[in-house]
C-alpha cells in the first residue's frame, strides 16, 4: 500500500540549519547590541584576549544550538487523528498537535536569505490560539505547496464544505482581477503615512544611547556651556533650532519611506473566483491566500493627505486573530478608492450597506477623555517644584500647549466617532488624522456585551462591545436606544446558517 504524503516524520531542508543559525545570531544581536556599543565607545577599556574570544564563543554556541534545533524539529500528518503533529526543542522536547478543523490560514513567508537559498517557510495560523502562529522553516517549494494544499483540503473535509481551490486536483480557480503596487505609489505612501512613528524611532534611539554618551558629555559640560553662551539670541538660535527640527522631520520621513519599501515592495493582489491572493515584501516575502467567509473585520484607513492622493489602506482581520498578534492581520496599502470598493464587493457580495440607524457617543465620552487627559498634566506640575531649572512660567507655557492639543485631539475623535447599523453590516468610523472605517457582518458576531456604570444610568447611556472571532468593536457612552438594534443583531446571529470560519 502506497504511503500517504507526509505520513512519516519529516525534517526541514538541511539548509534550515543556516536559517536557524542566522535567526539565533540576530536575536543575540538584538539583545546585546547596546552592550557591544558601550564597549566600543569605551576607549579607556584595555583590549584583552577575553574580548576577542567572546564573538567566537557566541558563534560556536549558535552553531550547536542551530544543529540541535534542526535535528529535533520533525513534523508529519496523522491521517487517523486528522491532525498535523510537530516535535521541537533544544533542552526539552515539545509535542504540538494541530487538528485540521482548527487551522485558519496556511501562508508562505520568505526572508532575503530564504529567497537566496530557494526555500520557503510555512506559517500555520490556528483558531482560538493566543500564541503566535506555527512556523515550519526551510521547506522546498514543491513540498510547501503540497503540504499547504493537503492541510487546507483536510480542513474543508472536516467542515463538510465544497472548495474546489483547496486541492490541486480540483477545477482551476480563474483570475478575475489583478492589482500591483508600483514604486511611485510606494513613495506616496511613505511620504503621506504617519512619519511621526519615524520620529519616535529616532527619539527612542537617542534615548537608548543617552546613558552611554552622558559620561563623555559630562566631562566637557563646562566647555559646552561656555560655547552655548556665545550663540547669538534670538534669531540665530531660532534658525539653528529650525534647521535641527527640519532635519529630524526629513529623517523621520526617510525612515518611514524605507520601512514602507521594505514591507510592501512588489505587492501583488490577485482576486480569483474563490480567493484573494496577496504577495509582498522585500526583507520578508509573504504570500497569503484567504476566503471571504474567514474574514471577520475589514478596516479601511486613510488620512486627508492620502485621500487627496487617492490612497487607501485595507486591513483584514481573520478568524482566530488576536489584537496582540498583529501578524494575523493582513494589510493591503496603496489602494485606489475604486480598488477598495472592488475588494469589499468580493468579500461581502452585493448586499446593501445602506444606513438603518446611526449612533453617536454622548458628550459624556468627550468629558471623560478630557478628564483622563488632564491627569498627566497634573502629575507634571511636580517637575517645577522639584527641579529648579524649570520655572513655573515655563511649565505654564507647556500646560497651555498641552491643553489646547489635548482638547483638539479629543474633540476631533468625539466628532468623528459613529456607529452605523444596516441590514447586514455593523460599521464603526473614527479618527483624528488617520480616518478608520471598521466593517463586520452582523451574522459573524459571536456575542454582544453591555456595560453600564452607575453614572450612566440617569443619562440613559451604555457601553457596548461587539465580539467577533477576530477581535472586538467597542462603542462607549451611547444612548440606550441602541438596545433595540442589539436585539436585532442577536436575532441575526441565532438564525443565520452561513459558515463564518
Protein backbone atom coordinates (compact mmCIF):
# COMPACT_ATOMS: atom_id res chain seq x y z
CA UNK A 1 0.00 0.00 0.00
CA UNK A 2 1.36 3.38 -1.02
CA UNK A 3 2.14 5.71 1.84
CA UNK A 4 0.24 8.98 2.03
CA UNK A 5 2.25 12.24 1.72
CA UNK A 6 3.93 13.41 4.95
CA UNK A 7 2.61 10.41 6.92
CA UNK A 8 6.13 9.67 8.22
CA UNK A 9 8.17 12.19 10.28
CA UNK A 10 9.85 14.80 8.08
CA UNK A 11 12.75 17.15 8.74
CA UNK A 12 13.31 20.59 7.31
CA UNK A 13 15.68 21.07 4.41
CA UNK A 14 19.34 20.81 5.50
CA UNK A 15 19.67 24.50 4.71
CA UNK A 16 17.32 25.03 7.66
CA UNK A 17 20.41 24.89 9.86
CA UNK A 18 21.64 28.06 8.19
CA UNK A 19 18.25 29.77 8.65
CA UNK A 20 18.11 28.83 12.35
CA UNK A 21 21.74 29.95 12.80
CA UNK A 22 21.07 33.35 11.20
CA UNK A 23 17.92 33.80 13.31
CA UNK A 24 19.81 32.90 16.52
CA UNK A 25 22.60 35.40 15.79
CA UNK A 26 20.02 38.09 15.01
CA UNK A 27 18.23 37.52 18.34
CA UNK A 28 21.55 37.70 20.23
CA UNK A 29 22.44 40.92 18.44
CA UNK A 30 19.05 42.49 19.31
CA UNK A 31 19.51 41.57 22.97
CA UNK A 32 23.10 42.78 23.42
CA UNK A 33 23.79 45.43 20.76
CA UNK A 34 23.72 48.23 23.33
CA UNK A 35 26.29 46.39 25.47
CA UNK A 36 28.55 45.87 22.45
CA UNK A 37 28.25 49.54 21.50
CA UNK A 38 29.11 50.53 25.08
CA UNK A 39 32.39 48.58 24.99
CA UNK A 40 33.25 50.03 21.58
CA UNK A 41 32.94 53.65 22.74
CA UNK A 42 34.84 52.98 25.96
CA UNK A 43 38.23 53.95 24.62
CA UNK A 44 39.80 53.64 28.04
CA UNK A 45 38.89 49.95 28.34
CA UNK A 46 42.03 47.88 27.66
CA UNK A 47 41.81 45.23 24.94
CA UNK A 48 42.22 41.66 26.13
CA UNK A 49 42.11 38.15 24.68
CA UNK A 50 38.85 37.60 26.58
CA UNK A 51 37.04 40.20 24.44
CA UNK A 52 38.35 38.53 21.28
CA UNK A 53 37.05 35.14 22.42
CA UNK A 54 33.52 36.40 23.12
CA UNK A 55 32.31 36.50 19.45
CA UNK A 56 33.96 33.11 18.77
CA UNK A 57 32.17 31.57 21.75
CA UNK A 58 28.85 33.16 20.73
CA UNK A 59 29.13 31.85 17.14
CA UNK A 60 30.10 28.36 18.37
CA UNK A 61 27.14 28.21 20.76
CA UNK A 62 24.81 29.45 18.00
CA UNK A 63 26.05 26.68 15.67
CA UNK A 64 25.47 23.99 18.31
CA UNK A 65 22.04 25.40 19.17
CA UNK A 66 21.04 25.54 15.47
CA UNK A 67 22.14 21.95 14.78
CA UNK A 68 20.29 20.52 17.81
CA UNK A 69 17.19 22.55 16.96
CA UNK A 70 17.30 21.24 13.37
CA UNK A 71 17.74 17.61 14.46
CA UNK A 72 14.88 17.78 16.98
CA UNK A 73 12.39 19.51 14.68
CA UNK A 74 10.13 16.98 12.91
CA UNK A 75 6.62 17.14 11.50
CA UNK A 76 4.12 14.72 9.97
CA UNK A 77 0.42 14.30 9.26
CA UNK A 78 -1.57 11.85 11.38
CA UNK A 79 -4.33 10.88 8.94
CA UNK A 80 -6.14 8.73 11.51
CA UNK A 81 -6.46 11.55 14.06
CA UNK A 82 -6.80 14.28 11.38
CA UNK A 83 -4.04 16.49 12.75
CA UNK A 84 -0.60 17.91 11.97
CA UNK A 85 1.98 16.82 14.55
CA UNK A 86 5.23 18.66 15.31
CA UNK A 87 8.07 17.93 17.72
CA UNK A 88 10.71 20.52 18.51
CA UNK A 89 13.04 21.74 21.23
CA UNK A 90 16.67 22.07 22.27
CA UNK A 91 16.89 21.39 26.01
CA UNK A 92 13.39 19.90 26.22
CA UNK A 93 11.05 18.43 23.61
CA UNK A 94 7.67 19.96 22.82
CA UNK A 95 4.91 17.97 21.13
CA UNK A 96 2.33 20.02 19.23
CA UNK A 97 -0.78 18.53 17.62
CA UNK A 98 -2.89 20.80 15.41
CA UNK A 99 -6.36 19.44 14.46
CA UNK A 100 -7.30 20.22 10.87
CA UNK A 101 -10.52 21.98 11.88
CA UNK A 102 -8.51 24.50 13.96
CA UNK A 103 -6.40 25.63 11.00
CA UNK A 104 -7.45 29.06 9.70
CA UNK A 105 -4.70 30.09 7.31
CA UNK A 106 -1.69 28.46 5.70
CA UNK A 107 0.65 31.14 4.32
CA UNK A 108 4.14 31.34 2.85
CA UNK A 109 6.98 33.59 4.02
CA UNK A 110 10.44 34.10 2.52
CA UNK A 111 13.17 36.24 4.03
CA UNK A 112 16.08 37.54 2.00
CA UNK A 113 18.28 34.57 2.97
CA UNK A 114 15.48 32.11 2.16
CA UNK A 115 14.99 33.64 -1.29
CA UNK A 116 18.73 33.38 -1.99
CA UNK A 117 18.76 29.71 -0.98
CA UNK A 118 15.44 28.98 -2.72
CA UNK A 119 13.31 27.68 0.17
CA UNK A 120 10.06 28.65 1.91
CA UNK A 121 8.69 28.98 5.42
CA UNK A 122 5.17 27.65 6.01
CA UNK A 123 3.10 29.65 8.51
CA UNK A 124 0.02 27.97 10.04
CA UNK A 125 -2.47 30.20 11.84
CA UNK A 126 -4.87 28.39 14.18
CA UNK A 127 -8.23 29.49 15.59
CA UNK A 128 -8.60 30.45 19.24
CA UNK A 129 -4.88 30.43 19.97
CA UNK A 130 -3.24 33.20 21.98
CA UNK A 131 0.24 32.14 20.93
CA UNK A 132 1.94 33.14 17.71
CA UNK A 133 1.32 31.05 14.61
CA UNK A 134 3.17 27.80 14.00
CA UNK A 135 6.07 28.19 11.57
CA UNK A 136 7.95 25.48 9.69
CA UNK A 137 11.20 26.90 8.28
CA UNK A 138 13.20 25.75 5.28
CA UNK A 139 10.84 23.70 3.10
CA UNK A 140 11.32 23.12 -0.62
CA UNK A 141 8.74 24.92 -2.77
CA UNK A 142 7.05 21.74 -4.04
CA UNK A 143 6.77 20.26 -0.53
CA UNK A 144 5.47 23.55 0.92
CA UNK A 145 2.74 23.83 -1.71
CA UNK A 146 1.76 20.17 -1.36
CA UNK A 147 1.60 20.34 2.46
CA UNK A 148 -0.43 23.56 2.28
CA UNK A 149 -2.90 22.00 -0.17
CA UNK A 150 -3.30 18.90 2.00
CA UNK A 151 -3.90 20.86 5.21
CA UNK A 152 -6.47 23.15 3.61
CA UNK A 153 -8.30 20.33 1.83
CA UNK A 154 -8.42 18.23 5.00
CA UNK A 155 -9.81 21.20 6.91
CA UNK A 156 -12.56 21.54 4.30
CA UNK A 157 -13.38 17.86 4.61
CA UNK A 158 -13.71 18.32 8.37
CA UNK A 159 -16.24 21.09 7.87
CA UNK A 160 -18.01 19.22 5.05
CA UNK A 161 -17.82 22.14 2.66
CA UNK A 162 -17.03 22.24 -1.04
CA UNK A 163 -13.98 24.23 -2.03
CA UNK A 164 -12.57 23.44 -5.44
CA UNK A 165 -9.44 25.54 -4.87
CA UNK A 166 -8.02 23.83 -1.82
CA UNK A 167 -6.70 20.88 -3.83
CA UNK A 168 -4.61 20.81 -6.98
CA UNK A 169 -6.88 18.06 -8.34
CA UNK A 170 -9.93 20.30 -8.46
CA UNK A 171 -11.00 22.77 -11.14
CA UNK A 172 -8.90 25.81 -11.89
CA UNK A 173 -9.69 28.97 -9.93
CA UNK A 174 -9.79 31.61 -12.66
CA UNK A 175 -8.20 35.03 -12.15
CA UNK A 176 -10.75 37.84 -12.25
CA UNK A 177 -8.75 40.90 -11.17
CA UNK A 178 -5.11 41.82 -10.51
CA UNK A 179 -3.61 44.81 -8.72
CA UNK A 180 0.10 45.72 -8.49
CA UNK A 181 1.62 48.40 -6.29
CA UNK A 182 4.18 50.46 -8.22
CA UNK A 183 7.24 52.28 -6.91
CA UNK A 184 5.54 55.67 -7.36
CA UNK A 185 2.62 54.77 -5.09
CA UNK A 186 5.01 53.23 -2.56
CA UNK A 187 6.80 56.57 -2.38
CA UNK A 188 3.47 58.40 -1.94
CA UNK A 189 2.50 56.01 0.87
CA UNK A 190 5.77 56.64 2.69
CA UNK A 191 5.53 60.42 2.38
CA UNK A 192 1.85 60.58 3.39
CA UNK A 193 1.96 57.96 6.16
CA UNK A 194 2.41 58.52 9.86
CA UNK A 195 6.04 59.66 9.75
CA UNK A 196 5.74 60.62 13.44
CA UNK A 197 6.50 56.94 14.02
CA UNK A 198 9.87 57.50 12.37
CA UNK A 199 10.36 60.50 14.64
CA UNK A 200 9.55 58.24 17.60
CA UNK A 201 12.17 55.72 16.46
CA UNK A 202 14.78 58.49 16.34
CA UNK A 203 13.86 59.67 19.85
CA UNK A 204 13.94 56.07 21.14
CA UNK A 205 17.36 55.53 19.59
CA UNK A 206 18.72 58.77 21.08
CA UNK A 207 17.27 57.85 24.50
CA UNK A 208 18.91 54.41 24.35
CA UNK A 209 22.32 55.90 23.63
CA UNK A 210 21.97 58.77 26.12
CA UNK A 211 23.26 56.84 29.10
CA UNK A 212 26.20 55.55 27.08
CA UNK A 213 27.31 59.02 25.95
CA UNK A 214 26.29 61.04 29.00
CA UNK A 215 29.62 60.37 30.76
CA UNK A 216 31.59 61.70 27.80
CA UNK A 217 29.49 64.88 27.63
CA UNK A 218 29.52 65.36 31.39
CA UNK A 219 33.32 65.62 31.36
CA UNK A 220 33.04 68.53 28.89
CA UNK A 221 30.00 70.15 30.49
CA UNK A 222 31.68 73.46 31.36
CA UNK A 223 33.23 73.80 27.91
CA UNK A 224 29.87 73.14 26.24
CA UNK A 225 28.12 75.71 28.43
CA UNK A 226 30.74 78.33 27.57
CA UNK A 227 30.28 77.65 23.86
CA UNK A 228 26.48 77.77 24.25
CA UNK A 229 26.73 81.27 25.79
CA UNK A 230 28.46 82.52 22.64
CA UNK A 231 25.48 81.62 20.42
CA UNK A 232 23.60 84.82 19.37
CA UNK A 233 19.99 85.19 20.51
CA UNK A 234 17.21 85.06 19.45
CA UNK A 235 17.13 84.94 15.62
CA UNK A 236 20.28 82.89 15.13
CA UNK A 237 19.28 80.43 17.86
CA UNK A 238 15.82 80.07 16.36
CA UNK A 239 17.39 79.46 12.96
CA UNK A 240 19.60 76.70 14.38
CA UNK A 241 16.58 75.13 16.12
CA UNK A 242 14.54 75.26 12.89
CA UNK A 243 17.34 73.58 10.91
CA UNK A 244 17.57 70.84 13.55
CA UNK A 245 13.79 70.30 13.61
CA UNK A 246 13.56 70.15 9.80
CA UNK A 247 16.47 67.70 9.67
CA UNK A 248 14.80 65.39 12.18
CA UNK A 249 11.49 65.67 10.28
CA UNK A 250 13.15 64.79 6.94
CA UNK A 251 15.00 61.89 8.56
CA UNK A 252 11.69 60.68 10.04
CA UNK A 253 10.06 60.75 6.61
CA UNK A 254 13.04 58.90 5.13
CA UNK A 255 12.76 56.17 7.80
CA UNK A 256 9.02 55.79 7.11
CA UNK A 257 9.55 55.60 3.33
CA UNK A 258 12.30 52.99 3.78
CA UNK A 259 10.07 50.96 6.09
CA UNK A 260 7.21 51.04 3.55
CA UNK A 261 9.51 49.88 0.73
CA UNK A 262 10.91 47.02 2.82
CA UNK A 263 7.49 45.82 3.96
CA UNK A 264 5.35 46.29 0.84
CA UNK A 265 7.77 46.18 -2.11
CA UNK A 266 6.47 44.26 -5.15
CA UNK A 267 2.97 43.95 -3.67
CA UNK A 268 0.68 41.97 -5.94
CA UNK A 269 -3.01 41.31 -5.30
CA UNK A 270 -4.87 38.68 -7.33
CA UNK A 271 -8.61 38.08 -6.99
CA UNK A 272 -9.94 34.77 -8.26
CA UNK A 273 -13.47 33.44 -8.23
CA UNK A 274 -12.93 31.89 -4.78
CA UNK A 275 -9.97 33.57 -3.07
CA UNK A 276 -7.92 36.71 -2.62
CA UNK A 277 -4.17 36.10 -3.05
CA UNK A 278 -1.60 38.58 -1.73
CA UNK A 279 2.19 38.58 -2.14
CA UNK A 280 4.51 41.33 -0.90
CA UNK A 281 7.71 42.19 0.96
CA UNK A 282 11.40 42.86 0.33
CA UNK A 283 13.05 41.67 3.54
CA UNK A 284 10.34 39.05 4.22
CA UNK A 285 8.36 37.92 1.20
CA UNK A 286 4.85 36.97 2.38
CA UNK A 287 2.20 35.03 0.47
CA UNK A 288 -1.35 34.95 1.81
CA UNK A 289 -4.47 33.33 0.39
CA UNK A 290 -7.85 33.92 2.02
CA UNK A 291 -11.51 33.15 1.51
CA UNK A 292 -14.29 35.69 2.21
CA UNK A 293 -16.01 33.63 4.88
CA UNK A 294 -12.89 33.71 7.12
CA UNK A 295 -12.86 37.50 7.14
CA UNK A 296 -14.16 38.97 10.40
CA UNK A 297 -13.40 42.71 10.26
CA UNK A 298 -12.45 44.89 7.30
CA UNK A 299 -10.89 48.29 8.13
CA UNK A 300 -10.41 50.99 5.51
CA UNK A 301 -7.83 53.62 6.57
CA UNK A 302 -6.82 56.93 5.04
CA UNK A 303 -5.96 60.49 6.08
CA UNK A 304 -6.70 63.88 4.47
CA UNK A 305 -3.40 63.91 2.55
CA UNK A 306 -3.78 60.32 1.37
CA UNK A 307 -7.42 60.93 0.44
CA UNK A 308 -6.29 63.83 -1.77
CA UNK A 309 -3.72 61.47 -3.35
CA UNK A 310 -6.42 58.76 -3.70
CA UNK A 311 -4.54 56.37 -1.39
CA UNK A 312 -6.36 53.96 0.92
CA UNK A 313 -5.28 51.01 3.06
CA UNK A 314 -7.34 47.93 3.84
CA UNK A 315 -6.69 45.83 6.96
CA UNK A 316 -8.36 42.42 7.01
CA UNK A 317 -8.75 40.61 10.35
CA UNK A 318 -9.33 36.87 10.14
CA UNK A 319 -10.97 34.39 12.46
CA UNK A 320 -8.61 33.32 15.22
CA UNK A 321 -6.72 36.63 15.27
CA UNK A 322 -5.83 38.42 18.48
CA UNK A 323 -5.27 42.15 18.95
CA UNK A 324 -1.85 41.49 20.42
CA UNK A 325 -0.85 39.38 17.42
CA UNK A 326 -0.52 41.90 14.61
CA UNK A 327 0.89 39.27 12.25
CA UNK A 328 -2.58 37.71 11.90
CA UNK A 329 -3.92 40.90 10.31
CA UNK A 330 -3.46 41.36 6.59
CA UNK A 331 -2.65 44.91 5.43
CA UNK A 332 -3.04 46.00 1.80
CA UNK A 333 -1.80 49.60 1.37
CA UNK A 334 -1.71 51.97 -1.59
CA UNK A 335 -5.14 51.09 -2.99
CA UNK A 336 -7.26 53.48 -5.01
CA UNK A 337 -10.81 54.13 -3.81
CA UNK A 338 -12.23 52.06 -6.67
CA UNK A 339 -9.97 49.15 -5.67
CA UNK A 340 -11.23 49.20 -2.08
CA UNK A 341 -14.80 49.02 -3.35
CA UNK A 342 -13.88 46.07 -5.57
CA UNK A 343 -12.31 44.20 -2.64
CA UNK A 344 -15.29 44.87 -0.36
CA UNK A 345 -17.63 43.72 -3.12
CA UNK A 346 -15.67 40.46 -3.41
CA UNK A 347 -15.57 39.88 0.36
CA UNK A 348 -19.17 40.82 1.07
CA UNK A 349 -21.00 40.38 -2.22
CA UNK A 350 -23.50 42.95 -3.44
CA UNK A 351 -25.54 43.21 -0.28
CA UNK A 352 -26.95 46.58 0.72
CA UNK A 353 -24.88 48.70 3.09
CA UNK A 354 -27.44 51.49 3.43
CA UNK A 355 -27.88 53.11 6.84
CA UNK A 356 -30.57 51.64 9.07
CA UNK A 357 -29.58 53.55 12.20
CA UNK A 358 -26.66 55.81 13.17
CA UNK A 359 -25.46 56.35 16.75
CA UNK A 360 -23.04 58.96 18.10
CA UNK A 361 -21.35 58.98 21.52
CA UNK A 362 -22.77 61.23 24.21
CA UNK A 363 -20.86 64.38 25.30
CA UNK A 364 -20.05 62.39 28.47
CA UNK A 365 -17.48 60.43 26.44
CA UNK A 366 -15.70 63.65 25.42
CA UNK A 367 -15.62 64.88 29.04
CA UNK A 368 -14.27 61.51 30.19
CA UNK A 369 -11.44 61.70 27.66
CA UNK A 370 -10.60 65.26 28.75
CA UNK A 371 -10.55 64.29 32.42
CA UNK A 372 -8.14 61.42 31.76
CA UNK A 373 -6.03 63.72 29.59
CA UNK A 374 -5.59 66.17 32.47
CA UNK A 375 -4.05 63.54 34.77
CA UNK A 376 -0.55 63.60 33.14
CA UNK A 377 -0.63 67.42 33.25
CA UNK A 378 -1.38 67.46 36.98
CA UNK A 379 1.41 64.97 37.59
CA UNK A 380 3.85 67.07 35.56
CA UNK A 381 3.28 70.00 37.96
CA UNK A 382 5.71 68.22 40.29
CA UNK A 383 8.58 68.94 37.86
CA UNK A 384 8.96 72.70 38.54
CA UNK A 385 8.58 72.02 42.26
CA UNK A 386 11.46 69.53 42.29
CA UNK A 387 13.81 70.87 39.60
CA UNK A 388 14.96 74.47 39.92
CA UNK A 389 15.97 74.53 36.24
CA UNK A 390 12.27 74.51 35.26
CA UNK A 391 10.31 77.60 36.27
CA UNK A 392 6.55 77.84 36.84
CA UNK A 393 6.20 80.19 33.85
CA UNK A 394 7.88 77.63 31.57
CA UNK A 395 5.59 74.91 32.91
CA UNK A 396 2.54 77.15 32.26
CA UNK A 397 3.56 77.57 28.61
CA UNK A 398 3.84 73.80 28.30
CA UNK A 399 0.49 73.36 30.10
CA UNK A 400 -1.35 75.72 27.73
CA UNK A 401 0.08 73.99 24.64
CA UNK A 402 -0.75 70.57 26.08
CA UNK A 403 -4.33 71.50 27.00
CA UNK A 404 -5.07 73.02 23.59
CA UNK A 405 -3.61 70.00 21.78
CA UNK A 406 -5.44 67.54 24.04
CA UNK A 407 -8.79 69.34 23.63
CA UNK A 408 -8.40 69.46 19.84
CA UNK A 409 -7.49 65.77 19.65
CA UNK A 410 -10.36 64.58 21.83
CA UNK A 411 -12.92 66.87 20.17
CA UNK A 412 -11.90 65.58 16.73
CA UNK A 413 -12.18 61.99 17.96
CA UNK A 414 -15.57 62.69 19.55
CA UNK A 415 -17.00 64.32 16.41
CA UNK A 416 -15.71 61.65 14.02
CA UNK A 417 -16.88 58.61 16.00
CA UNK A 418 -20.12 56.98 14.93
CA UNK A 419 -21.72 53.52 14.78
CA UNK A 420 -23.90 52.54 11.82
CA UNK A 421 -26.31 49.61 11.54
CA UNK A 422 -27.53 48.34 8.18
CA UNK A 423 -29.45 45.24 7.20
CA UNK A 424 -26.34 43.05 7.14
CA UNK A 425 -23.46 45.14 8.46
CA UNK A 426 -22.12 46.92 11.50
CA UNK A 427 -19.78 49.85 10.76
CA UNK A 428 -17.72 51.92 13.21
CA UNK A 429 -16.00 55.11 11.99
CA UNK A 430 -13.47 57.18 13.96
CA UNK A 431 -10.18 59.05 13.69
CA UNK A 432 -8.30 62.31 14.23
CA UNK A 433 -5.72 62.28 11.42
CA UNK A 434 -5.98 58.68 10.27
CA UNK A 435 -9.65 58.04 9.45
CA UNK A 436 -10.73 54.45 10.08
CA UNK A 437 -13.89 52.64 8.97
CA UNK A 438 -14.35 49.17 10.51
CA UNK A 439 -16.94 46.85 8.97
CA UNK A 440 -18.15 43.45 10.12
CA UNK A 441 -21.07 41.29 9.04
CA UNK A 442 -23.71 41.05 11.74
CA UNK A 443 -24.17 37.29 11.40
CA UNK A 444 -20.43 36.80 12.20
CA UNK A 445 -20.76 38.36 15.65
CA UNK A 446 -20.11 35.80 18.38
CA UNK A 447 -21.68 37.79 21.19
CA UNK A 448 -22.62 41.28 22.38
CA UNK A 449 -21.81 42.60 25.86
CA UNK A 450 -23.26 45.66 27.59
CA UNK A 451 -21.70 47.62 30.44
CA UNK A 452 -23.47 50.41 32.35
CA UNK A 453 -21.58 52.34 35.07
CA UNK A 454 -23.74 53.86 37.82
CA UNK A 455 -23.32 57.41 36.50
CA UNK A 456 -24.63 56.29 33.07
CA UNK A 457 -28.00 55.09 34.35
CA UNK A 458 -29.52 58.53 34.96
CA UNK A 459 -28.43 59.70 31.50
CA UNK A 460 -29.71 56.56 29.76
CA UNK A 461 -26.30 55.56 28.39
CA UNK A 462 -24.48 52.23 27.93
CA UNK A 463 -21.09 50.91 26.76
CA UNK A 464 -21.36 48.23 24.07
CA UNK A 465 -18.83 45.67 22.79
CA UNK A 466 -19.37 43.50 19.73
CA UNK A 467 -17.24 40.34 19.86
CA UNK A 468 -16.02 38.54 16.74
CA UNK A 469 -13.57 35.68 16.23
CA UNK A 470 -11.03 38.26 15.07
CA UNK A 471 -11.38 40.92 17.77
CA UNK A 472 -13.86 43.35 19.29
CA UNK A 473 -15.59 46.53 18.17
CA UNK A 474 -16.39 48.73 21.17
CA UNK A 475 -18.52 51.85 21.48
CA UNK A 476 -18.76 53.96 24.65
CA UNK A 477 -21.43 56.25 26.10
CA UNK A 478 -24.13 55.54 23.52
CA UNK A 479 -27.87 56.13 24.01
CA UNK A 480 -29.75 53.09 25.31
CA UNK A 481 -31.98 53.20 22.21
CA UNK A 482 -29.24 51.06 20.69
CA UNK A 483 -30.58 48.07 22.67
CA UNK A 484 -33.29 47.56 20.04
CA UNK A 485 -30.63 47.04 17.39
CA UNK A 486 -28.63 44.80 19.68
CA UNK A 487 -31.68 42.52 19.88
CA UNK A 488 -31.81 42.56 16.09
CA UNK A 489 -28.11 41.62 15.94
CA UNK A 490 -28.62 38.72 18.35
CA UNK A 491 -31.57 37.54 16.24
CA UNK A 492 -29.39 37.57 13.10
CA UNK A 493 -26.65 35.62 14.91
CA UNK A 494 -29.04 32.91 16.07
CA UNK A 495 -30.97 32.49 12.83
CA UNK A 496 -28.10 32.62 10.33
CA UNK A 497 -26.97 29.32 8.84
CA UNK A 498 -23.99 30.76 6.97
CA UNK A 499 -20.47 29.46 7.72
CA UNK A 500 -18.18 32.16 9.17
CA UNK A 501 -14.96 30.16 9.72
